[in-house]
Every structure is written in C-alpha cells, then in structure tokens.
Amino acid sequence: METEVDLLQFFEASDNAETYGAGESIFEVGQEGRCMYVVRTGSIDLMLDETVLTTVSEGEIFGELALIDQVERSATAKARTDCEVLPIDEGKFLYMVHHTPYFSLDLLRIIAGRLRAMNRLL
C-alpha cells in the first residue's frame, strides 16, 4: 500500500538502520513495543502463530500500533528476506504527526487496509 509521505526519503539520512537475515525475528507477539519501523530494503512478514497476516516491503511501515496505543505487540515481525529497517521511536513519530500533514492520514489508511485484510481472513 503506497503512502503520500515517502518515509524512506524522510529518513534517508538516518544512521540507526538495523539489519536482519531471512527468517530472523524483528519482534515477537506480546513484546513491549517502543518503536515502529520503515523497511529500507527487503520484506517482512507480519505473523500470528504461523499464519502470515501481511507482508511489507521497501518504503512501508510496520509496528505502528505499539506507538499509538502503548500496548504490547499484536503480531510477530519476521524477515522474509534479508532486510534493513529503520526504527522510528516515539519522538520521531510525534514529529511526523505534528509536522507532516499527510502522515496521519496515511497511517490511518494503512491501519484500515490491514483491518480489512484481517476481516477477509476471518
């Protein structure tokens, strides 16, 4: 799902990228979440148990719910391929909400799309 805000461009100067090999967990369901992520390269499966709920790839975000509702992770994020992700902490997240007009709308569209996809799975 494309967004109006090019998050990779916005954070391209970020020097805190994390790398994961294919099959590695980025976070697990039930863990405390202190950041969301933007995918710089590769793809990530968002999973519940062994079921892949969705796959996110370059320029897409995941893990955003933890910053919105301050509740533990609702899914597991596992690298589908070797990947590089950019963690976005609460400070950067709040900056985006306050200073980037379309970011909040894009975020709502992403969450709505994932909710609709979950409804189709059920």
N, C-alpha and C. Protein backbone atom coordinates (compact mmCIF):
# COMPACT_ATOMS: atom_id res chain seq x y z
N MET A 1 0.85 -1.17 0.00
CA MET A 1 0.00 0.00 0.00
C MET A 1 0.90 1.23 0.00
N GLU A 2 0.76 2.08 -1.00
CA GLU A 2 1.59 3.27 -1.10
C GLU A 2 1.03 4.38 -0.23
N THR A 3 1.91 5.26 0.20
CA THR A 3 1.51 6.37 1.02
C THR A 3 1.86 7.68 0.33
N GLU A 4 1.24 8.77 0.76
CA GLU A 4 1.55 10.10 0.25
C GLU A 4 2.92 10.56 0.74
N VAL A 5 3.30 10.15 1.93
CA VAL A 5 4.56 10.56 2.52
C VAL A 5 5.60 9.50 2.19
N ASP A 6 6.71 9.91 1.57
CA ASP A 6 7.80 8.99 1.26
C ASP A 6 8.69 8.88 2.49
N LEU A 7 8.40 7.89 3.32
CA LEU A 7 9.11 7.75 4.58
C LEU A 7 10.58 7.44 4.39
N LEU A 8 10.92 6.70 3.34
CA LEU A 8 12.34 6.43 3.10
C LEU A 8 13.08 7.72 2.80
N GLN A 9 12.49 8.58 2.02
CA GLN A 9 13.13 9.86 1.71
C GLN A 9 13.23 10.71 2.99
N PHE A 10 12.19 10.70 3.78
CA PHE A 10 12.16 11.49 5.01
C PHE A 10 13.27 11.06 5.97
N PHE A 11 13.54 9.76 6.05
CA PHE A 11 14.52 9.24 7.00
C PHE A 11 15.80 8.75 6.34
N GLU A 12 16.06 9.15 5.09
CA GLU A 12 17.22 8.62 4.37
C GLU A 12 18.55 8.91 5.05
N ALA A 13 18.63 9.98 5.80
CA ALA A 13 19.87 10.31 6.49
C ALA A 13 20.03 9.56 7.81
N SER A 14 19.04 8.77 8.18
CA SER A 14 19.08 8.04 9.45
C SER A 14 20.26 7.08 9.46
N ASP A 15 20.98 7.08 10.57
CA ASP A 15 22.15 6.20 10.67
C ASP A 15 21.93 5.07 11.68
N ASN A 16 20.66 4.81 12.01
CA ASN A 16 20.39 3.77 13.01
C ASN A 16 19.68 2.56 12.41
N ALA A 17 19.98 2.26 11.15
CA ALA A 17 19.37 1.11 10.48
C ALA A 17 19.74 -0.19 11.19
N GLU A 18 18.79 -1.12 11.18
CA GLU A 18 19.02 -2.46 11.73
C GLU A 18 18.92 -3.45 10.59
N THR A 19 19.76 -4.47 10.60
CA THR A 19 19.72 -5.49 9.55
C THR A 19 19.32 -6.83 10.16
N TYR A 20 18.57 -7.59 9.37
CA TYR A 20 18.10 -8.91 9.79
C TYR A 20 18.25 -9.87 8.61
N GLY A 21 18.64 -11.09 8.91
CA GLY A 21 18.72 -12.13 7.91
C GLY A 21 17.36 -12.78 7.71
N ALA A 22 17.16 -13.38 6.55
CA ALA A 22 15.90 -14.07 6.26
C ALA A 22 15.59 -15.06 7.38
N GLY A 23 14.36 -15.00 7.89
CA GLY A 23 13.92 -15.89 8.95
C GLY A 23 14.11 -15.36 10.36
N GLU A 24 14.87 -14.28 10.52
CA GLU A 24 15.09 -13.69 11.85
C GLU A 24 13.87 -12.90 12.29
N SER A 25 13.59 -12.97 13.60
CA SER A 25 12.50 -12.19 14.17
C SER A 25 12.97 -10.77 14.49
N ILE A 26 12.15 -9.81 14.14
CA ILE A 26 12.42 -8.41 14.48
C ILE A 26 11.78 -8.11 15.82
N PHE A 27 10.55 -8.60 16.00
CA PHE A 27 9.90 -8.59 17.31
C PHE A 27 8.87 -9.70 17.33
N GLU A 28 8.47 -10.06 18.56
CA GLU A 28 7.54 -11.17 18.77
C GLU A 28 6.24 -10.65 19.37
N VAL A 29 5.14 -11.35 19.08
CA VAL A 29 3.86 -11.02 19.69
C VAL A 29 4.02 -11.02 21.21
N GLY A 30 3.42 -10.03 21.86
CA GLY A 30 3.48 -9.93 23.31
C GLY A 30 4.61 -9.08 23.84
N GLN A 31 5.63 -8.80 23.02
CA GLN A 31 6.72 -7.95 23.48
C GLN A 31 6.28 -6.50 23.58
N GLU A 32 6.96 -5.77 24.47
CA GLU A 32 6.73 -4.33 24.56
C GLU A 32 7.28 -3.69 23.29
N GLY A 33 6.53 -2.74 22.76
CA GLY A 33 6.97 -2.06 21.56
C GLY A 33 7.30 -0.61 21.83
N ARG A 34 8.52 -0.22 21.52
CA ARG A 34 8.95 1.16 21.75
C ARG A 34 9.21 1.90 20.45
N CYS A 35 9.00 1.23 19.32
CA CYS A 35 9.21 1.90 18.04
C CYS A 35 8.41 1.20 16.95
N MET A 36 8.26 1.90 15.84
CA MET A 36 7.75 1.29 14.62
C MET A 36 8.92 1.26 13.64
N TYR A 37 8.73 0.71 12.48
CA TYR A 37 9.83 0.56 11.53
C TYR A 37 9.39 0.96 10.13
N VAL A 38 10.37 1.47 9.37
CA VAL A 38 10.22 1.67 7.94
C VAL A 38 11.16 0.67 7.27
N VAL A 39 10.67 -0.04 6.26
CA VAL A 39 11.51 -1.00 5.55
C VAL A 39 12.37 -0.26 4.53
N ARG A 40 13.68 -0.36 4.70
CA ARG A 40 14.60 0.26 3.73
C ARG A 40 14.85 -0.70 2.57
N THR A 41 15.13 -1.96 2.89
CA THR A 41 15.32 -2.99 1.86
C THR A 41 14.73 -4.30 2.35
N GLY A 42 14.36 -5.16 1.41
CA GLY A 42 13.85 -6.48 1.75
C GLY A 42 12.36 -6.48 2.05
N SER A 43 11.90 -7.57 2.66
CA SER A 43 10.49 -7.69 3.02
C SER A 43 10.35 -8.42 4.35
N ILE A 44 9.25 -8.10 5.03
CA ILE A 44 8.98 -8.62 6.37
C ILE A 44 7.58 -9.20 6.41
N ASP A 45 7.44 -10.38 7.00
CA ASP A 45 6.13 -10.98 7.22
C ASP A 45 5.64 -10.58 8.61
N LEU A 46 4.39 -10.14 8.68
CA LEU A 46 3.72 -9.90 9.96
C LEU A 46 2.85 -11.13 10.20
N MET A 47 3.08 -11.80 11.32
CA MET A 47 2.50 -13.12 11.54
C MET A 47 1.82 -13.23 12.90
N LEU A 48 0.83 -14.11 12.94
CA LEU A 48 0.22 -14.51 14.19
C LEU A 48 0.27 -16.03 14.19
N ASP A 49 0.94 -16.59 15.19
CA ASP A 49 1.28 -18.01 15.19
C ASP A 49 2.09 -18.28 13.93
N GLU A 50 1.67 -19.18 13.09
CA GLU A 50 2.40 -19.47 11.85
C GLU A 50 1.71 -18.88 10.62
N THR A 51 0.66 -18.10 10.84
CA THR A 51 -0.11 -17.51 9.73
C THR A 51 0.45 -16.15 9.36
N VAL A 52 0.79 -15.97 8.08
CA VAL A 52 1.25 -14.67 7.59
C VAL A 52 0.02 -13.79 7.37
N LEU A 53 -0.05 -12.69 8.12
CA LEU A 53 -1.17 -11.76 8.00
C LEU A 53 -0.98 -10.83 6.83
N THR A 54 0.24 -10.35 6.66
CA THR A 54 0.58 -9.48 5.53
C THR A 54 2.09 -9.46 5.41
N THR A 55 2.56 -9.00 4.26
CA THR A 55 3.99 -8.83 4.01
C THR A 55 4.22 -7.37 3.65
N VAL A 56 5.20 -6.75 4.28
CA VAL A 56 5.54 -5.36 3.99
C VAL A 56 6.92 -5.32 3.35
N SER A 57 7.11 -4.33 2.48
CA SER A 57 8.38 -4.23 1.76
C SER A 57 8.84 -2.78 1.70
N GLU A 58 9.83 -2.53 0.88
CA GLU A 58 10.51 -1.24 0.83
C GLU A 58 9.55 -0.04 0.86
N GLY A 59 9.82 0.86 1.80
CA GLY A 59 9.04 2.09 1.93
C GLY A 59 7.81 1.96 2.79
N GLU A 60 7.47 0.73 3.21
CA GLU A 60 6.28 0.52 4.04
C GLU A 60 6.66 0.49 5.51
N ILE A 61 5.64 0.68 6.36
CA ILE A 61 5.85 0.69 7.80
C ILE A 61 5.22 -0.53 8.45
N PHE A 62 5.71 -0.84 9.65
CA PHE A 62 5.09 -1.87 10.47
C PHE A 62 5.44 -1.60 11.92
N GLY A 63 4.65 -2.17 12.82
CA GLY A 63 4.87 -1.99 14.24
C GLY A 63 4.31 -0.69 14.79
N GLU A 64 3.49 -0.02 14.00
CA GLU A 64 2.97 1.30 14.38
C GLU A 64 1.98 1.26 15.55
N LEU A 65 1.26 0.16 15.71
CA LEU A 65 0.26 0.10 16.78
C LEU A 65 0.88 0.30 18.16
N ALA A 66 2.09 -0.19 18.35
CA ALA A 66 2.74 -0.06 19.65
C ALA A 66 2.96 1.41 20.03
N LEU A 67 3.18 2.26 19.04
CA LEU A 67 3.36 3.69 19.33
C LEU A 67 2.03 4.40 19.50
N ILE A 68 0.98 3.86 18.93
CA ILE A 68 -0.32 4.51 19.00
C ILE A 68 -1.03 4.19 20.31
N ASP A 69 -1.08 2.91 20.68
CA ASP A 69 -1.86 2.55 21.86
C ASP A 69 -1.03 2.11 23.07
N GLN A 70 0.30 2.09 22.94
CA GLN A 70 1.18 1.76 24.06
C GLN A 70 0.89 0.39 24.67
N VAL A 71 0.47 -0.55 23.84
CA VAL A 71 0.17 -1.92 24.27
C VAL A 71 1.19 -2.85 23.62
N GLU A 72 1.35 -4.03 24.17
CA GLU A 72 2.32 -4.99 23.65
C GLU A 72 2.05 -5.33 22.17
N ARG A 73 3.05 -5.88 21.53
CA ARG A 73 2.98 -6.22 20.10
C ARG A 73 1.84 -7.22 19.86
N SER A 74 1.07 -6.97 18.79
CA SER A 74 -0.07 -7.81 18.47
C SER A 74 0.26 -8.87 17.42
N ALA A 75 1.47 -8.82 16.88
CA ALA A 75 1.90 -9.79 15.87
C ALA A 75 3.41 -9.95 15.98
N THR A 76 3.92 -10.95 15.30
CA THR A 76 5.36 -11.17 15.18
C THR A 76 5.80 -10.62 13.84
N ALA A 77 6.94 -9.95 13.81
CA ALA A 77 7.54 -9.47 12.57
C ALA A 77 8.78 -10.30 12.29
N LYS A 78 8.77 -10.99 11.16
CA LYS A 78 9.88 -11.88 10.81
C LYS A 78 10.38 -11.52 9.41
N ALA A 79 11.70 -11.40 9.26
CA ALA A 79 12.28 -11.08 7.96
C ALA A 79 11.98 -12.21 6.97
N ARG A 80 11.30 -11.86 5.88
CA ARG A 80 11.04 -12.83 4.80
C ARG A 80 12.31 -13.01 3.99
N THR A 81 13.02 -11.89 3.78
CA THR A 81 14.29 -11.87 3.05
C THR A 81 15.29 -11.14 3.94
N ASP A 82 16.55 -11.16 3.55
CA ASP A 82 17.50 -10.27 4.22
C ASP A 82 16.93 -8.87 4.09
N CYS A 83 17.01 -8.10 5.16
CA CYS A 83 16.40 -6.77 5.11
C CYS A 83 17.13 -5.78 5.99
N GLU A 84 16.81 -4.52 5.73
CA GLU A 84 17.29 -3.42 6.54
C GLU A 84 16.08 -2.57 6.89
N VAL A 85 15.92 -2.25 8.16
CA VAL A 85 14.78 -1.47 8.62
C VAL A 85 15.27 -0.28 9.44
N LEU A 86 14.45 0.77 9.43
CA LEU A 86 14.76 1.98 10.19
C LEU A 86 13.78 2.09 11.35
N PRO A 87 14.26 2.00 12.59
CA PRO A 87 13.36 2.16 13.74
C PRO A 87 12.96 3.63 13.89
N ILE A 88 11.68 3.85 14.17
CA ILE A 88 11.14 5.19 14.40
C ILE A 88 10.61 5.21 15.83
N ASP A 89 11.30 5.94 16.71
CA ASP A 89 10.88 5.98 18.10
C ASP A 89 9.73 6.97 18.28
N GLU A 90 9.25 7.07 19.51
CA GLU A 90 8.08 7.92 19.77
C GLU A 90 8.34 9.39 19.44
N GLY A 91 9.52 9.88 19.70
CA GLY A 91 9.85 11.27 19.39
C GLY A 91 9.76 11.57 17.90
N LYS A 92 10.35 10.69 17.08
CA LYS A 92 10.28 10.86 15.63
C LYS A 92 8.84 10.70 15.14
N PHE A 93 8.13 9.74 15.73
CA PHE A 93 6.74 9.50 15.37
C PHE A 93 5.89 10.76 15.63
N LEU A 94 6.05 11.34 16.82
CA LEU A 94 5.27 12.54 17.16
C LEU A 94 5.66 13.72 16.27
N TYR A 95 6.93 13.81 15.90
CA TYR A 95 7.35 14.84 14.97
C TYR A 95 6.61 14.69 13.64
N MET A 96 6.56 13.45 13.14
CA MET A 96 5.87 13.18 11.87
C MET A 96 4.38 13.57 11.97
N VAL A 97 3.74 13.20 13.06
CA VAL A 97 2.32 13.52 13.25
C VAL A 97 2.11 15.03 13.25
N HIS A 98 2.98 15.77 13.91
CA HIS A 98 2.82 17.21 14.04
C HIS A 98 3.26 18.01 12.82
N HIS A 99 4.27 17.54 12.10
CA HIS A 99 4.89 18.36 11.06
C HIS A 99 4.71 17.86 9.64
N THR A 100 4.11 16.71 9.45
CA THR A 100 3.91 16.17 8.11
C THR A 100 2.42 15.93 7.91
N PRO A 101 1.76 16.84 7.20
CA PRO A 101 0.29 16.83 7.12
C PRO A 101 -0.34 15.51 6.71
N TYR A 102 0.24 14.79 5.77
CA TYR A 102 -0.40 13.58 5.28
C TYR A 102 -0.03 12.32 6.05
N PHE A 103 0.95 12.41 6.94
CA PHE A 103 1.41 11.22 7.64
C PHE A 103 0.29 10.54 8.42
N SER A 104 -0.48 11.30 9.19
CA SER A 104 -1.56 10.71 10.00
C SER A 104 -2.61 10.06 9.12
N LEU A 105 -2.97 10.71 8.02
CA LEU A 105 -3.95 10.14 7.10
C LEU A 105 -3.41 8.86 6.47
N ASP A 106 -2.14 8.88 6.07
CA ASP A 106 -1.52 7.68 5.51
C ASP A 106 -1.54 6.54 6.52
N LEU A 107 -1.21 6.87 7.76
CA LEU A 107 -1.19 5.87 8.82
C LEU A 107 -2.58 5.25 9.02
N LEU A 108 -3.60 6.08 9.05
CA LEU A 108 -4.98 5.58 9.18
C LEU A 108 -5.35 4.68 8.00
N ARG A 109 -4.93 5.05 6.81
CA ARG A 109 -5.22 4.21 5.62
C ARG A 109 -4.52 2.86 5.71
N ILE A 110 -3.30 2.87 6.19
CA ILE A 110 -2.57 1.61 6.35
C ILE A 110 -3.27 0.71 7.37
N ILE A 111 -3.62 1.28 8.51
CA ILE A 111 -4.30 0.50 9.56
C ILE A 111 -5.65 0.00 9.07
N ALA A 112 -6.41 0.84 8.37
CA ALA A 112 -7.71 0.42 7.83
C ALA A 112 -7.53 -0.71 6.82
N GLY A 113 -6.54 -0.61 5.97
CA GLY A 113 -6.29 -1.66 4.99
C GLY A 113 -5.94 -2.98 5.65
N ARG A 114 -5.14 -2.93 6.70
CA ARG A 114 -4.77 -4.16 7.41
C ARG A 114 -5.96 -4.74 8.15
N LEU A 115 -6.82 -3.88 8.71
CA LEU A 115 -8.02 -4.35 9.38
C LEU A 115 -8.95 -5.03 8.39
N ARG A 116 -9.13 -4.45 7.23
CA ARG A 116 -9.99 -5.06 6.19
C ARG A 116 -9.41 -6.41 5.74
N ALA A 117 -8.10 -6.47 5.60
CA ALA A 117 -7.47 -7.73 5.21
C ALA A 117 -7.69 -8.80 6.29
N MET A 118 -7.60 -8.41 7.56
CA MET A 118 -7.84 -9.36 8.66
C MET A 118 -9.28 -9.85 8.63
N ASN A 119 -10.22 -8.94 8.36
CA ASN A 119 -11.62 -9.33 8.28
C ASN A 119 -11.84 -10.36 7.17
N ARG A 120 -11.14 -10.19 6.05
CA ARG A 120 -11.27 -11.17 4.96
C ARG A 120 -10.70 -12.52 5.36
N LEU A 121 -9.64 -12.53 6.17
CA LEU A 121 -9.07 -13.80 6.63
C LEU A 121 -10.01 -14.54 7.57
N LEU A 122 -10.78 -13.79 8.34
CA LEU A 122 -11.70 -14.41 9.29
C LEU A 122 -12.91 -14.92 8.57
